[in-house]
Amino acid sequence: MDDKQRSPAARVVADSVSSAGERLTTLEVRLHRFVLAEFNTHRAFSRNSASSRAIPVRREIDRVGADPAYPLEWPTEQRGMQGGAALSASEQAAAMVVWDETRQAVIAAAERLEALGVHKSVTNRLLEPFMWQTIIVSATDWDGFFTQRCSPLAQPEIRAAAEAMRAVYLASTPRSLAAGEWHLPYVQPDESLELGAAKRAAAARCARVSYLTHDGRRDLAADLQLYDRLVAARPPHASPLEHVARPRNNDEPAQGNFRGWIQLRHLVLPALNTCPVNLD
């Protein structure tokens, strides 16, 4: 395999446990865009990811040109969902050439559509098979995902992502939260934010996926403005508010997909409890 081949990766951005022992973990995951649909079948997850409708075409072209996502394995064709034995070394090299030739042709086509003025929501779709995808995912229940996607029967690209996620999850020690304290992804202790601002900033940073400005400095004012746009939109973009949560009180009804936690979404936008709205 080419030295430039990169693998899926994951890191913990927030890890909390309630006094009742319910653990809520938020991960930032990088995986192959072409297995995103499989990732999104897991309903225990709250997730946000980079949108092909939102990222400028030129930026996506540059990413696919400089850092493309290649298949991790080249199995032979056979019946069923699992591939057969690996291609020979020479056959794998030939397959890589075909993949790269197709990537270059797609880049050229995207540039032509860009020159015609076609919107990024259409043009970027051509590039998706060659993209890496960054996802923010939060959950209290991970066993089903790890069991299914870390299995040898899973497609290699999603298996590698799941194994990276499981490794950082098992290595992390959650922070204990008391009643009234909040799970706040991407909010750092040195920021010393007022709680209301911290909750809004956390939701906005989950919406951004890449949560820091290009020069590495946080921009709280921009985060708060984005939060206001999320909740003021019609319909509201509510899914980023799901990552921000506090332990559920005993007298509160269970809501959402987190066991033992109340999500900010269900406190700020109760009318949307039965109608999830995603950014993409």
Foldseek 3Di string as FASTA:
>chain_A
DDPLADAKAKAWQAWEAEPVGQIKTKMKIKFQLVCVVVVVVDQLKQKAKDDLQPDDLVVLLVCLVPRWHDAPFAADDDPDDDGHHGDPPVVVVVVVVVVVVQLVVLSVVLVVVVVVVDHSNPSVVSNRNTDMMIMIIMGRDCVVVLVPLCDPSHRVRSNRRSVNVVVNVVVDDHHYDYFPDKTAGPDDPVVPDDVVLRLQLSLLQSNVSPRAPPVRHHDSVVSNVSSVCQVPDVVHAQSSQQSMWGFDDPPDDDADSYPRIDTRSCVSPVVCRPPHHHPD
